[in-house]
Amino acid sequence: MSMVNDMTRKGLIWSACLVLLGAGMLGCDKSAPASEKGVEQGAEASAEAAKENPVEEPAEKQRIVSLGGTVTEIVYALGAGDAVVAVDKSSVYPEATEELRTLDLFRTVSAEAVLSHEPTLVVATDAANPDGAFERIEKAGVKVLRLTADETVDAAKARISKLGEALGKEGAAKELLATLDAELAEAKSVAEACDKPAKALFMYARGRGTTFVAGKDTSASRMIELAGATHVPGNIEGFKPMTAEAVLEANPDTVLMTGSGLKSMGGVEGLRGVKGLSETAAVEEGRVVTMGDLELLGFGPRTGQAAAKLAKKLCLDEAQASNAAE
């Protein structure tokens, strides 16, 4: 009987070895002691490898609520879009956000609405309001990551890096930053090769009753400067209501707008009916350049790409049909 038991035990060990051999984990022979030793060695090796290469919890296991178009775009650019369960109305890029756009603008955050999506992480900038809503979200046990809302290249890089860390996407963040730097370098190269950079006026519009011009230290003025063009008017700060006198004094040879802003004004023909603008060479000759809102003003992953594109559009010695409004 003992002989039968011994043979049975050896048979079971040999079967286990065959399974492990098929998985490519170790080699076996017919002797029971060697097999047992191989199993132990394989287990020890696996445990050691796990210690040296800890597996980070993927972002996909999280449930992310993103508040703000720029941070949402970064989350998707890092490859964590599958973990997003809700975004706010300013998150219009990429197209995958359309069905998730269930929350109000980041400036009017509702803690209850956010928590209804059962998030494990909420990401936003410090421009999101009110602060009390975020306090209630944190008290509910949900992690909140607040990032800078500054509209500069350095701030864009900081947002990408910090989100990469929070989502376990450090490698993707490094690649994204490398691409951003390369595209900014391309924009600089295009700008330096331009003999006649435009004098550009950025006009923000939401219909004829809501029109502003961008002064210095704004997202628009910084993008114009990244593109190597001259920003006008440079004697005001922030966004100010547009007046005919201010436009005529600036005397731009190119008007820069967002695509949605130009549409709200009735296109280029609509601008020709606006006092002050209609008398500029820019509008008379149809030199109106448009780009997407987030692409142009968001200071997110596409900032370098936008600067390179804008550098070509704002170079008058290379003016082509592509420089006109899109």
C-alpha atoms as a PDB file:
ATOM      1  CA  MET A   1       0.000   0.000   0.000  1.00  0.00           C
ATOM      2  CA  SER A   2       2.859   2.361   0.839  1.00  0.00           C
ATOM      3  CA  MET A   3       4.374   1.697  -2.579  1.00  0.00           C
ATOM      4  CA  VAL A   4       1.084   2.655  -4.263  1.00  0.00           C
ATOM      5  CA  ASN A   5       0.847   5.845  -2.213  1.00  0.00           C
ATOM      6  CA  ASP A   6       4.436   6.735  -3.098  1.00  0.00           C
ATOM      7  CA  MET A   7       3.780   6.176  -6.798  1.00  0.00           C
ATOM      8  CA  THR A   8       0.600   8.251  -6.598  1.00  0.00           C
ATOM      9  CA  ARG A   9       2.443  11.097  -4.891  1.00  0.00           C
ATOM     10  CA  LYS A  10       5.181  11.070  -7.560  1.00  0.00           C
ATOM     11  CA  GLY A  11       2.545  11.035 -10.299  1.00  0.00           C
ATOM     12  CA  LEU A  12       0.824  14.094  -8.892  1.00  0.00           C
ATOM     13  CA  ILE A  13       4.099  15.966  -8.577  1.00  0.00           C
ATOM     14  CA  TRP A  14       5.043  15.070 -12.141  1.00  0.00           C
ATOM     15  CA  SER A  15       1.638  16.314 -13.412  1.00  0.00           C
ATOM     16  CA  ALA A  16       2.165  19.615 -11.610  1.00  0.00           C
ATOM     17  CA  CYS A  17       5.572  19.935 -13.222  1.00  0.00           C
ATOM     18  CA  LEU A  18       4.094  19.420 -16.666  1.00  0.00           C
ATOM     19  CA  VAL A  19       1.612  22.230 -16.050  1.00  0.00           C
ATOM     20  CA  LEU A  20       4.372  24.584 -14.901  1.00  0.00           C
ATOM     21  CA  LEU A  21       6.586  23.547 -17.801  1.00  0.00           C
ATOM     22  CA  GLY A  22       3.764  24.407 -20.213  1.00  0.00           C
ATOM     23  CA  ALA A  23       3.580  27.865 -18.631  1.00  0.00           C
ATOM     24  CA  GLY A  24       7.310  28.308 -19.244  1.00  0.00           C
ATOM     25  CA  MET A  25       8.081  28.686 -15.532  1.00  0.00           C
ATOM     26  CA  LEU A  26      10.574  25.901 -14.860  1.00  0.00           C
ATOM     27  CA  GLY A  27      11.998  22.564 -15.968  1.00  0.00           C
ATOM     28  CA  CYS A  28      11.124  19.195 -14.328  1.00  0.00           C
ATOM     29  CA  ASP A  29      12.405  15.675 -14.320  1.00  0.00           C
ATOM     30  CA  LYS A  30      10.819  12.489 -13.027  1.00  0.00           C
ATOM     31  CA  SER A  31      12.351  12.624  -9.570  1.00  0.00           C
ATOM     32  CA  ALA A  32      10.058  14.003  -6.877  1.00  0.00           C
ATOM     33  CA  PRO A  33      12.728  15.840  -4.851  1.00  0.00           C
ATOM     34  CA  ALA A  34      13.972  17.824  -7.900  1.00  0.00           C
ATOM     35  CA  SER A  35      10.413  18.746  -8.858  1.00  0.00           C
ATOM     36  CA  GLU A  36       9.596  20.010  -5.394  1.00  0.00           C
ATOM     37  CA  LYS A  37      12.788  22.046  -5.391  1.00  0.00           C
ATOM     38  CA  GLY A  38      11.912  23.538  -8.786  1.00  0.00           C
ATOM     39  CA  VAL A  39       8.460  24.577  -7.597  1.00  0.00           C
ATOM     40  CA  GLU A  40       9.931  26.300  -4.553  1.00  0.00           C
ATOM     41  CA  GLN A  41      12.578  28.084  -6.634  1.00  0.00           C
ATOM     42  CA  GLY A  42       9.944  29.276  -9.123  1.00  0.00           C
ATOM     43  CA  ALA A  43       7.767  30.654  -6.343  1.00  0.00           C
ATOM     44  CA  GLU A  44      10.726  32.429  -4.733  1.00  0.00           C
ATOM     45  CA  ALA A  45      11.767  33.959  -8.076  1.00  0.00           C
ATOM     46  CA  SER A  46       8.242  35.230  -8.715  1.00  0.00           C
ATOM     47  CA  ALA A  47       8.021  36.793  -5.265  1.00  0.00           C
ATOM     48  CA  GLU A  48      11.406  38.485  -5.700  1.00  0.00           C
ATOM     49  CA  ALA A  49      10.421  39.877  -9.117  1.00  0.00           C
ATOM     50  CA  ALA A  50       7.208  41.301  -7.635  1.00  0.00           C
ATOM     51  CA  LYS A  51       9.204  43.123  -4.952  1.00  0.00           C
ATOM     52  CA  GLU A  52      11.612  44.641  -7.498  1.00  0.00           C
ATOM     53  CA  ASN A  53       8.879  45.589  -9.999  1.00  0.00           C
ATOM     54  CA  PRO A  54       5.764  46.593  -8.062  1.00  0.00           C
ATOM     55  CA  VAL A  55       2.683  46.863 -10.253  1.00  0.00           C
ATOM     56  CA  GLU A  56       1.002  50.281 -10.053  1.00  0.00           C
ATOM     57  CA  GLU A  57      -2.760  50.310  -9.868  1.00  0.00           C
ATOM     58  CA  PRO A  58      -3.908  51.356 -13.340  1.00  0.00           C
ATOM     59  CA  ALA A  59      -5.948  54.529 -13.797  1.00  0.00           C
ATOM     60  CA  GLU A  60      -8.693  52.383 -15.341  1.00  0.00           C
ATOM     61  CA  LYS A  61      -9.543  51.069 -11.863  1.00  0.00           C
ATOM     62  CA  GLN A  62     -10.294  54.603 -10.749  1.00  0.00           C
ATOM     63  CA  ARG A  63     -13.495  56.538 -11.352  1.00  0.00           C
ATOM     64  CA  ILE A  64     -12.484  60.031 -12.412  1.00  0.00           C
ATOM     65  CA  VAL A  65     -14.599  63.174 -12.511  1.00  0.00           C
ATOM     66  CA  SER A  66     -12.800  65.928 -14.440  1.00  0.00           C
ATOM     67  CA  LEU A  67     -13.772  69.585 -14.093  1.00  0.00           C
ATOM     68  CA  GLY A  68     -12.286  71.904 -16.702  1.00  0.00           C
ATOM     69  CA  GLY A  69     -11.609  71.443 -20.393  1.00  0.00           C
ATOM     70  CA  THR A  70      -7.828  71.608 -20.077  1.00  0.00           C
ATOM     71  CA  VAL A  71      -7.478  69.011 -17.315  1.00  0.00           C
ATOM     72  CA  THR A  72      -9.937  66.718 -19.076  1.00  0.00           C
ATOM     73  CA  GLU A  73      -7.896  66.930 -22.254  1.00  0.00           C
ATOM     74  CA  ILE A  74      -4.737  66.037 -20.341  1.00  0.00           C
ATOM     75  CA  VAL A  75      -6.406  63.020 -18.696  1.00  0.00           C
ATOM     76  CA  TYR A  76      -7.336  61.672 -22.126  1.00  0.00           C
ATOM     77  CA  ALA A  77      -3.939  62.505 -23.639  1.00  0.00           C
ATOM     78  CA  LEU A  78      -2.304  60.455 -20.884  1.00  0.00           C
ATOM     79  CA  GLY A  79      -4.413  57.447 -21.865  1.00  0.00           C
ATOM     80  CA  ALA A  80      -6.712  57.445 -18.827  1.00  0.00           C
ATOM     81  CA  GLY A  81      -9.912  58.363 -20.648  1.00  0.00           C
ATOM     82  CA  ASP A  82     -11.505  54.978 -19.950  1.00  0.00           C
ATOM     83  CA  ALA A  83     -11.550  55.820 -16.246  1.00  0.00           C
ATOM     84  CA  VAL A  84     -13.498  59.079 -16.695  1.00  0.00           C
ATOM     85  CA  VAL A  85     -17.119  58.828 -15.555  1.00  0.00           C
ATOM     86  CA  ALA A  86     -18.204  62.490 -15.858  1.00  0.00           C
ATOM     87  CA  VAL A  87     -16.918  65.880 -17.050  1.00  0.00           C
ATOM     88  CA  ASP A  88     -18.163  69.467 -17.001  1.00  0.00           C
ATOM     89  CA  LYS A  89     -19.574  71.447 -19.928  1.00  0.00           C
ATOM     90  CA  SER A  90     -16.239  73.089 -20.751  1.00  0.00           C
ATOM     91  CA  SER A  91     -14.722  69.671 -21.516  1.00  0.00           C
ATOM     92  CA  VAL A  92     -15.396  69.625 -25.243  1.00  0.00           C
ATOM     93  CA  TYR A  93     -12.282  67.757 -26.384  1.00  0.00           C
ATOM     94  CA  PRO A  94     -11.800  64.960 -27.323  1.00  0.00           C
ATOM     95  CA  GLU A  95     -15.103  63.853 -28.858  1.00  0.00           C
ATOM     96  CA  ALA A  96     -15.281  60.940 -26.411  1.00  0.00           C
ATOM     97  CA  THR A  97     -16.297  63.434 -23.708  1.00  0.00           C
ATOM     98  CA  GLU A  98     -19.625  64.276 -25.355  1.00  0.00           C
ATOM     99  CA  GLU A  99     -21.677  61.604 -23.595  1.00  0.00           C
ATOM    100  CA  LEU A 100     -19.936  62.302 -20.285  1.00  0.00           C
ATOM    101  CA  ARG A 101     -20.648  66.050 -20.286  1.00  0.00           C
ATOM    102  CA  THR A 102     -23.274  65.860 -17.532  1.00  0.00           C
ATOM    103  CA  LEU A 103     -21.953  68.446 -15.051  1.00  0.00           C
ATOM    104  CA  ASP A 104     -22.265  72.231 -15.043  1.00  0.00           C
ATOM    105  CA  LEU A 105     -19.264  74.454 -15.721  1.00  0.00           C
ATOM    106  CA  PHE A 106     -16.295  74.106 -13.383  1.00  0.00           C
ATOM    107  CA  ARG A 107     -17.042  77.595 -12.046  1.00  0.00           C
ATOM    108  CA  THR A 108     -20.269  76.338 -10.447  1.00  0.00           C
ATOM    109  CA  VAL A 109     -19.337  72.967  -8.973  1.00  0.00           C
ATOM    110  CA  SER A 110     -22.053  71.021  -7.175  1.00  0.00           C
ATOM    111  CA  ALA A 111     -20.694  68.530  -4.657  1.00  0.00           C
ATOM    112  CA  GLU A 112     -23.883  66.476  -4.807  1.00  0.00           C
ATOM    113  CA  ALA A 113     -23.785  66.226  -8.605  1.00  0.00           C
ATOM    114  CA  VAL A 114     -20.124  65.160  -8.546  1.00  0.00           C
ATOM    115  CA  LEU A 115     -20.641  62.578  -5.797  1.00  0.00           C
ATOM    116  CA  SER A 116     -23.613  61.072  -7.630  1.00  0.00           C
ATOM    117  CA  HIS A 117     -21.087  59.570 -10.070  1.00  0.00           C
ATOM    118  CA  GLU A 118     -19.302  57.738  -7.223  1.00  0.00           C
ATOM    119  CA  PRO A 119     -15.820  58.995  -8.133  1.00  0.00           C
ATOM    120  CA  THR A 120     -12.585  57.865  -6.532  1.00  0.00           C
ATOM    121  CA  LEU A 121     -10.747  60.946  -7.848  1.00  0.00           C
ATOM    122  CA  VAL A 122     -11.856  64.465  -8.783  1.00  0.00           C
ATOM    123  CA  VAL A 123      -9.466  66.627 -10.805  1.00  0.00           C
ATOM    124  CA  ALA A 124      -9.870  70.374 -11.329  1.00  0.00           C
ATOM    125  CA  THR A 125      -7.900  73.613 -11.404  1.00  0.00           C
ATOM    126  CA  ASP A 126      -7.864  76.276  -8.713  1.00  0.00           C
ATOM    127  CA  ALA A 127     -10.202  78.304 -10.958  1.00  0.00           C
ATOM    128  CA  ALA A 128     -13.037  75.912 -10.130  1.00  0.00           C
ATOM    129  CA  ASN A 129     -15.616  77.164  -7.617  1.00  0.00           C
ATOM    130  CA  PRO A 130     -16.867  77.137  -4.960  1.00  0.00           C
ATOM    131  CA  ASP A 131     -14.176  75.856  -2.609  1.00  0.00           C
ATOM    132  CA  GLY A 132     -16.868  74.647  -0.212  1.00  0.00           C
ATOM    133  CA  ALA A 133     -17.997  72.073  -2.756  1.00  0.00           C
ATOM    134  CA  PHE A 134     -14.541  70.519  -2.859  1.00  0.00           C
ATOM    135  CA  GLU A 135     -14.420  70.419   0.932  1.00  0.00           C
ATOM    136  CA  ARG A 136     -17.676  68.444   0.973  1.00  0.00           C
ATOM    137  CA  ILE A 137     -16.334  66.084  -1.696  1.00  0.00           C
ATOM    138  CA  GLU A 138     -13.205  65.406   0.365  1.00  0.00           C
ATOM    139  CA  LYS A 139     -15.250  64.877   3.533  1.00  0.00           C
ATOM    140  CA  ALA A 140     -17.120  62.163   1.616  1.00  0.00           C
ATOM    141  CA  GLY A 141     -13.800  60.316   1.324  1.00  0.00           C
ATOM    142  CA  VAL A 142     -13.047  61.206  -2.311  1.00  0.00           C
ATOM    143  CA  LYS A 143      -9.576  62.376  -3.277  1.00  0.00           C
ATOM    144  CA  VAL A 144      -9.467  65.823  -4.914  1.00  0.00           C
ATOM    145  CA  LEU A 145      -6.534  66.991  -7.021  1.00  0.00           C
ATOM    146  CA  ARG A 146      -6.434  70.771  -7.599  1.00  0.00           C
ATOM    147  CA  LEU A 147      -3.990  72.028 -10.230  1.00  0.00           C
ATOM    148  CA  THR A 148      -2.830  75.508 -11.182  1.00  0.00           C
ATOM    149  CA  ALA A 149      -5.051  77.382 -13.620  1.00  0.00           C
ATOM    150  CA  ASP A 150      -2.226  79.642 -14.846  1.00  0.00           C
ATOM    151  CA  GLU A 151      -2.166  80.056 -18.621  1.00  0.00           C
ATOM    152  CA  THR A 152       1.529  79.632 -19.335  1.00  0.00           C
ATOM    153  CA  VAL A 153       3.715  76.931 -20.852  1.00  0.00           C
ATOM    154  CA  ASP A 154       5.285  76.168 -17.465  1.00  0.00           C
ATOM    155  CA  ALA A 155       1.839  75.749 -15.918  1.00  0.00           C
ATOM    156  CA  ALA A 156       0.795  73.441 -18.749  1.00  0.00           C
ATOM    157  CA  LYS A 157       3.840  71.272 -18.108  1.00  0.00           C
ATOM    158  CA  ALA A 158       3.142  71.199 -14.369  1.00  0.00           C
ATOM    159  CA  ARG A 159      -0.431  70.043 -14.988  1.00  0.00           C
ATOM    160  CA  ILE A 160       0.747  67.234 -17.254  1.00  0.00           C
ATOM    161  CA  SER A 161       3.398  66.061 -14.771  1.00  0.00           C
ATOM    162  CA  LYS A 162       1.132  66.116 -11.718  1.00  0.00           C
ATOM    163  CA  LEU A 163      -1.712  64.351 -13.478  1.00  0.00           C
ATOM    164  CA  GLY A 164       0.740  61.758 -14.766  1.00  0.00           C
ATOM    165  CA  GLU A 165       1.814  61.039 -11.193  1.00  0.00           C
ATOM    166  CA  ALA A 166      -1.748  60.927  -9.852  1.00  0.00           C
ATOM    167  CA  LEU A 167      -2.909  58.517 -12.560  1.00  0.00           C
ATOM    168  CA  GLY A 168       0.137  56.251 -12.568  1.00  0.00           C
ATOM    169  CA  LYS A 169       0.955  57.466 -16.086  1.00  0.00           C
ATOM    170  CA  GLU A 170       4.421  58.935 -15.528  1.00  0.00           C
ATOM    171  CA  GLY A 171       5.796  57.403 -18.723  1.00  0.00           C
ATOM    172  CA  ALA A 172       2.975  58.809 -20.828  1.00  0.00           C
ATOM    173  CA  ALA A 173       3.470  62.211 -19.186  1.00  0.00           C
ATOM    174  CA  LYS A 174       7.158  62.253 -20.143  1.00  0.00           C
ATOM    175  CA  GLU A 175       6.290  61.427 -23.745  1.00  0.00           C
ATOM    176  CA  LEU A 176       3.634  64.129 -23.799  1.00  0.00           C
ATOM    177  CA  LEU A 177       6.078  66.715 -22.459  1.00  0.00           C
ATOM    178  CA  ALA A 178       8.682  65.720 -25.029  1.00  0.00           C
ATOM    179  CA  THR A 179       6.134  66.188 -27.819  1.00  0.00           C
ATOM    180  CA  LEU A 180       5.108  69.566 -26.395  1.00  0.00           C
ATOM    181  CA  ASP A 181       8.726  70.749 -26.345  1.00  0.00           C
ATOM    182  CA  ALA A 182       9.306  69.562 -29.914  1.00  0.00           C
ATOM    183  CA  GLU A 183       6.208  71.387 -31.182  1.00  0.00           C
ATOM    184  CA  LEU A 184       7.155  74.578 -29.341  1.00  0.00           C
ATOM    185  CA  ALA A 185      10.583  74.381 -30.946  1.00  0.00           C
ATOM    186  CA  GLU A 186       8.908  74.021 -34.337  1.00  0.00           C
ATOM    187  CA  ALA A 187       6.779  77.101 -33.626  1.00  0.00           C
ATOM    188  CA  LYS A 188       9.876  79.089 -32.715  1.00  0.00           C
ATOM    189  CA  SER A 189      11.626  77.967 -35.891  1.00  0.00           C
ATOM    190  CA  VAL A 190       8.664  79.016 -38.061  1.00  0.00           C
ATOM    191  CA  ALA A 191       8.439  82.372 -36.280  1.00  0.00           C
ATOM    192  CA  GLU A 192      12.139  83.104 -36.704  1.00  0.00           C
ATOM    193  CA  ALA A 193      11.912  82.377 -40.427  1.00  0.00           C
ATOM    194  CA  CYS A 194       9.052  84.855 -40.887  1.00  0.00           C
ATOM    195  CA  ASP A 195      10.019  88.216 -42.387  1.00  0.00           C
ATOM    196  CA  LYS A 196       6.696  89.913 -41.731  1.00  0.00           C
ATOM    197  CA  PRO A 197       4.927  88.756 -38.559  1.00  0.00           C
ATOM    198  CA  ALA A 198       1.393  90.028 -38.173  1.00  0.00           C
ATOM    199  CA  LYS A 199       0.108  92.624 -35.747  1.00  0.00           C
ATOM    200  CA  ALA A 200      -2.676  90.530 -34.266  1.00  0.00           C
ATOM    201  CA  LEU A 201      -5.694  91.562 -32.218  1.00  0.00           C
ATOM    202  CA  PHE A 202      -7.511  88.820 -30.331  1.00  0.00           C
ATOM    203  CA  MET A 203     -11.247  89.352 -30.123  1.00  0.00           C
ATOM    204  CA  TYR A 204     -13.410  87.305 -27.789  1.00  0.00           C
ATOM    205  CA  ALA A 205     -17.046  87.236 -28.830  1.00  0.00           C
ATOM    206  CA  ARG A 206     -20.287  85.563 -27.837  1.00  0.00           C
ATOM    207  CA  GLY A 207     -22.548  87.517 -30.147  1.00  0.00           C
ATOM    208  CA  ARG A 208     -22.542  91.230 -30.896  1.00  0.00           C
ATOM    209  CA  GLY A 209     -23.536  92.100 -27.355  1.00  0.00           C
ATOM    210  CA  THR A 210     -20.515  90.346 -25.796  1.00  0.00           C
ATOM    211  CA  THR A 211     -17.216  91.385 -27.361  1.00  0.00           C
ATOM    212  CA  PHE A 212     -13.862  91.841 -25.648  1.00  0.00           C
ATOM    213  CA  VAL A 213     -10.299  92.461 -26.752  1.00  0.00           C
ATOM    214  CA  ALA A 214      -7.368  90.735 -25.078  1.00  0.00           C
ATOM    215  CA  GLY A 215      -4.722  92.813 -23.384  1.00  0.00           C
ATOM    216  CA  LYS A 216      -1.307  91.772 -22.139  1.00  0.00           C
ATOM    217  CA  ASP A 217      -0.751  88.837 -19.785  1.00  0.00           C
ATOM    218  CA  THR A 218      -3.694  86.871 -21.146  1.00  0.00           C
ATOM    219  CA  SER A 219      -3.830  83.403 -22.654  1.00  0.00           C
ATOM    220  CA  ALA A 220      -4.433  85.001 -26.058  1.00  0.00           C
ATOM    221  CA  SER A 221      -1.515  87.418 -25.874  1.00  0.00           C
ATOM    222  CA  ARG A 222       0.847  84.633 -24.769  1.00  0.00           C
ATOM    223  CA  MET A 223      -0.197  82.427 -27.673  1.00  0.00           C
ATOM    224  CA  ILE A 224       0.332  85.277 -30.138  1.00  0.00           C
ATOM    225  CA  GLU A 225       3.795  85.812 -28.678  1.00  0.00           C
ATOM    226  CA  LEU A 226       4.591  82.069 -28.852  1.00  0.00           C
ATOM    227  CA  ALA A 227       3.697  82.278 -32.547  1.00  0.00           C
ATOM    228  CA  GLY A 228       6.221  85.088 -33.014  1.00  0.00           C
ATOM    229  CA  ALA A 229       3.633  87.753 -33.929  1.00  0.00           C
ATOM    230  CA  THR A 230       3.052  91.161 -32.366  1.00  0.00           C
ATOM    231  CA  HIS A 231       0.152  91.383 -29.957  1.00  0.00           C
ATOM    232  CA  VAL A 232      -2.021  94.512 -30.034  1.00  0.00           C
ATOM    233  CA  PRO A 233      -3.216  96.348 -28.074  1.00  0.00           C
ATOM    234  CA  GLY A 234      -0.422  96.016 -25.571  1.00  0.00           C
ATOM    235  CA  ASN A 235      -1.445  98.942 -23.396  1.00  0.00           C
ATOM    236  CA  ILE A 236      -4.282  97.200 -21.522  1.00  0.00           C
ATOM    237  CA  GLU A 237      -4.379  94.266 -19.146  1.00  0.00           C
ATOM    238  CA  GLY A 238      -6.752  91.333 -19.166  1.00  0.00           C
ATOM    239  CA  PHE A 239      -9.873  91.231 -21.311  1.00  0.00           C
ATOM    240  CA  LYS A 240     -11.624  94.570 -21.798  1.00  0.00           C
ATOM    241  CA  PRO A 241     -14.870  95.488 -23.570  1.00  0.00           C
ATOM    242  CA  MET A 242     -14.165  96.214 -27.216  1.00  0.00           C
ATOM    243  CA  THR A 243     -14.645  99.780 -28.428  1.00  0.00           C
ATOM    244  CA  ALA A 244     -14.309 101.138 -31.944  1.00  0.00           C
ATOM    245  CA  GLU A 245     -11.684 103.610 -30.714  1.00  0.00           C
ATOM    246  CA  ALA A 246      -9.528 100.877 -29.158  1.00  0.00           C
ATOM    247  CA  VAL A 247      -9.642  98.770 -32.320  1.00  0.00           C
ATOM    248  CA  LEU A 248      -8.755 101.684 -34.587  1.00  0.00           C
ATOM    249  CA  GLU A 249      -5.904 102.674 -32.280  1.00  0.00           C
ATOM    250  CA  ALA A 250      -4.540  99.124 -32.303  1.00  0.00           C
ATOM    251  CA  ASN A 251      -4.824  99.043 -36.105  1.00  0.00           C
ATOM    252  CA  PRO A 252      -4.343  95.262 -36.445  1.00  0.00           C
ATOM    253  CA  ASP A 253      -3.530  93.689 -39.783  1.00  0.00           C
ATOM    254  CA  THR A 254      -4.926  90.348 -38.549  1.00  0.00           C
ATOM    255  CA  VAL A 255      -7.837  89.553 -36.243  1.00  0.00           C
ATOM    256  CA  LEU A 256      -7.584  86.342 -34.225  1.00  0.00           C
ATOM    257  CA  MET A 257     -10.733  84.678 -32.860  1.00  0.00           C
ATOM    258  CA  THR A 258     -12.019  81.314 -31.756  1.00  0.00           C
ATOM    259  CA  GLY A 259     -14.144  79.489 -34.305  1.00  0.00           C
ATOM    260  CA  SER A 260     -17.225  79.665 -32.095  1.00  0.00           C
ATOM    261  CA  GLY A 261     -16.655  83.375 -31.491  1.00  0.00           C
ATOM    262  CA  LEU A 262     -16.545  84.211 -35.191  1.00  0.00           C
ATOM    263  CA  LYS A 263     -19.645  82.125 -35.812  1.00  0.00           C
ATOM    264  CA  SER A 264     -21.515  84.056 -33.119  1.00  0.00           C
ATOM    265  CA  MET A 265     -20.708  87.280 -34.998  1.00  0.00           C
ATOM    266  CA  GLY A 266     -22.029  86.010 -38.313  1.00  0.00           C
ATOM    267  CA  GLY A 267     -18.668  85.133 -39.826  1.00  0.00           C
ATOM    268  CA  VAL A 268     -16.276  87.535 -41.532  1.00  0.00           C
ATOM    269  CA  GLU A 269     -19.199  89.299 -43.210  1.00  0.00           C
ATOM    270  CA  GLY A 270     -20.659  89.916 -39.782  1.00  0.00           C
ATOM    271  CA  LEU A 271     -17.422  91.595 -38.652  1.00  0.00           C
ATOM    272  CA  ARG A 272     -17.659  93.986 -41.580  1.00  0.00           C
ATOM    273  CA  GLY A 273     -20.747  95.408 -39.949  1.00  0.00           C
ATOM    274  CA  VAL A 274     -19.002  96.179 -36.634  1.00  0.00           C
ATOM    275  CA  LYS A 275     -17.925  99.789 -36.190  1.00  0.00           C
ATOM    276  CA  GLY A 276     -14.175 100.085 -35.805  1.00  0.00           C
ATOM    277  CA  LEU A 277     -13.440  96.574 -37.013  1.00  0.00           C
ATOM    278  CA  SER A 278     -14.931  97.262 -40.419  1.00  0.00           C
ATOM    279  CA  GLU A 279     -12.371 100.035 -40.961  1.00  0.00           C
ATOM    280  CA  THR A 280      -9.301  97.885 -40.273  1.00  0.00           C
ATOM    281  CA  ALA A 281      -7.222  96.393 -43.064  1.00  0.00           C
ATOM    282  CA  ALA A 282      -7.582  93.028 -41.318  1.00  0.00           C
ATOM    283  CA  VAL A 283     -11.346  92.827 -41.817  1.00  0.00           C
ATOM    284  CA  GLU A 284     -11.423  94.687 -45.122  1.00  0.00           C
ATOM    285  CA  GLU A 285      -8.983  92.169 -46.613  1.00  0.00           C
ATOM    286  CA  GLY A 286     -10.459  89.176 -44.794  1.00  0.00           C
ATOM    287  CA  ARG A 287      -7.411  88.449 -42.638  1.00  0.00           C
ATOM    288  CA  VAL A 288      -9.337  86.781 -39.830  1.00  0.00           C
ATOM    289  CA  VAL A 289      -7.704  83.711 -38.287  1.00  0.00           C
ATOM    290  CA  THR A 290      -9.642  81.236 -36.168  1.00  0.00           C
ATOM    291  CA  MET A 291      -8.763  78.222 -34.035  1.00  0.00           C
ATOM    292  CA  GLY A 292     -10.624  76.033 -31.558  1.00  0.00           C
ATOM    293  CA  ASP A 293     -11.210  77.488 -28.098  1.00  0.00           C
ATOM    294  CA  LEU A 294      -9.305  74.886 -26.079  1.00  0.00           C
ATOM    295  CA  GLU A 295      -6.625  74.422 -28.698  1.00  0.00           C
ATOM    296  CA  LEU A 296      -5.846  78.140 -28.768  1.00  0.00           C
ATOM    297  CA  LEU A 297      -6.449  79.221 -25.174  1.00  0.00           C
ATOM    298  CA  GLY A 298      -6.378  76.061 -23.051  1.00  0.00           C
ATOM    299  CA  PHE A 299      -2.620  75.693 -22.449  1.00  0.00           C
ATOM    300  CA  GLY A 300      -2.922  71.939 -22.444  1.00  0.00           C
ATOM    301  CA  PRO A 301      -1.352  69.081 -24.437  1.00  0.00           C
ATOM    302  CA  ARG A 302      -1.966  70.791 -27.809  1.00  0.00           C
ATOM    303  CA  THR A 303      -0.324  74.125 -26.926  1.00  0.00           C
ATOM    304  CA  GLY A 304       2.845  73.441 -28.906  1.00  0.00           C
ATOM    305  CA  GLN A 305       0.848  72.188 -31.880  1.00  0.00           C
ATOM    306  CA  ALA A 306      -1.375  75.283 -31.707  1.00  0.00           C
ATOM    307  CA  ALA A 307       1.607  77.634 -31.503  1.00  0.00           C
ATOM    308  CA  ALA A 308       3.233  76.032 -34.558  1.00  0.00           C
ATOM    309  CA  LYS A 309      -0.016  76.273 -36.525  1.00  0.00           C
ATOM    310  CA  LEU A 310      -0.590  79.861 -35.428  1.00  0.00           C
ATOM    311  CA  ALA A 311       2.963  80.867 -36.334  1.00  0.00           C
ATOM    312  CA  LYS A 312       2.216  79.938 -39.940  1.00  0.00           C
ATOM    313  CA  LYS A 313      -1.148  81.690 -39.950  1.00  0.00           C
ATOM    314  CA  LEU A 314       0.264  84.921 -38.500  1.00  0.00           C
ATOM    315  CA  CYS A 315       3.163  85.189 -40.915  1.00  0.00           C
ATOM    316  CA  LEU A 316       2.078  87.652 -43.600  1.00  0.00           C
ATOM    317  CA  ASP A 317       4.902  86.897 -46.010  1.00  0.00           C
ATOM    318  CA  GLU A 318       3.529  83.341 -46.248  1.00  0.00           C
ATOM    319  CA  ALA A 319      -0.127  84.342 -46.372  1.00  0.00           C
ATOM    320  CA  GLN A 320      -2.192  81.698 -48.136  1.00  0.00           C
ATOM    321  CA  ALA A 321      -5.789  80.628 -48.260  1.00  0.00           C
ATOM    322  CA  SER A 322      -5.103  78.412 -45.238  1.00  0.00           C
ATOM    323  CA  ASN A 323      -4.419  81.516 -43.166  1.00  0.00           C
ATOM    324  CA  ALA A 324      -8.027  82.604 -43.435  1.00  0.00           C
ATOM    325  CA  ALA A 325     -10.747  81.693 -40.995  1.00  0.00           C
ATOM    326  CA  GLU A 326     -11.359  77.932 -40.739  1.00  0.00           C
END
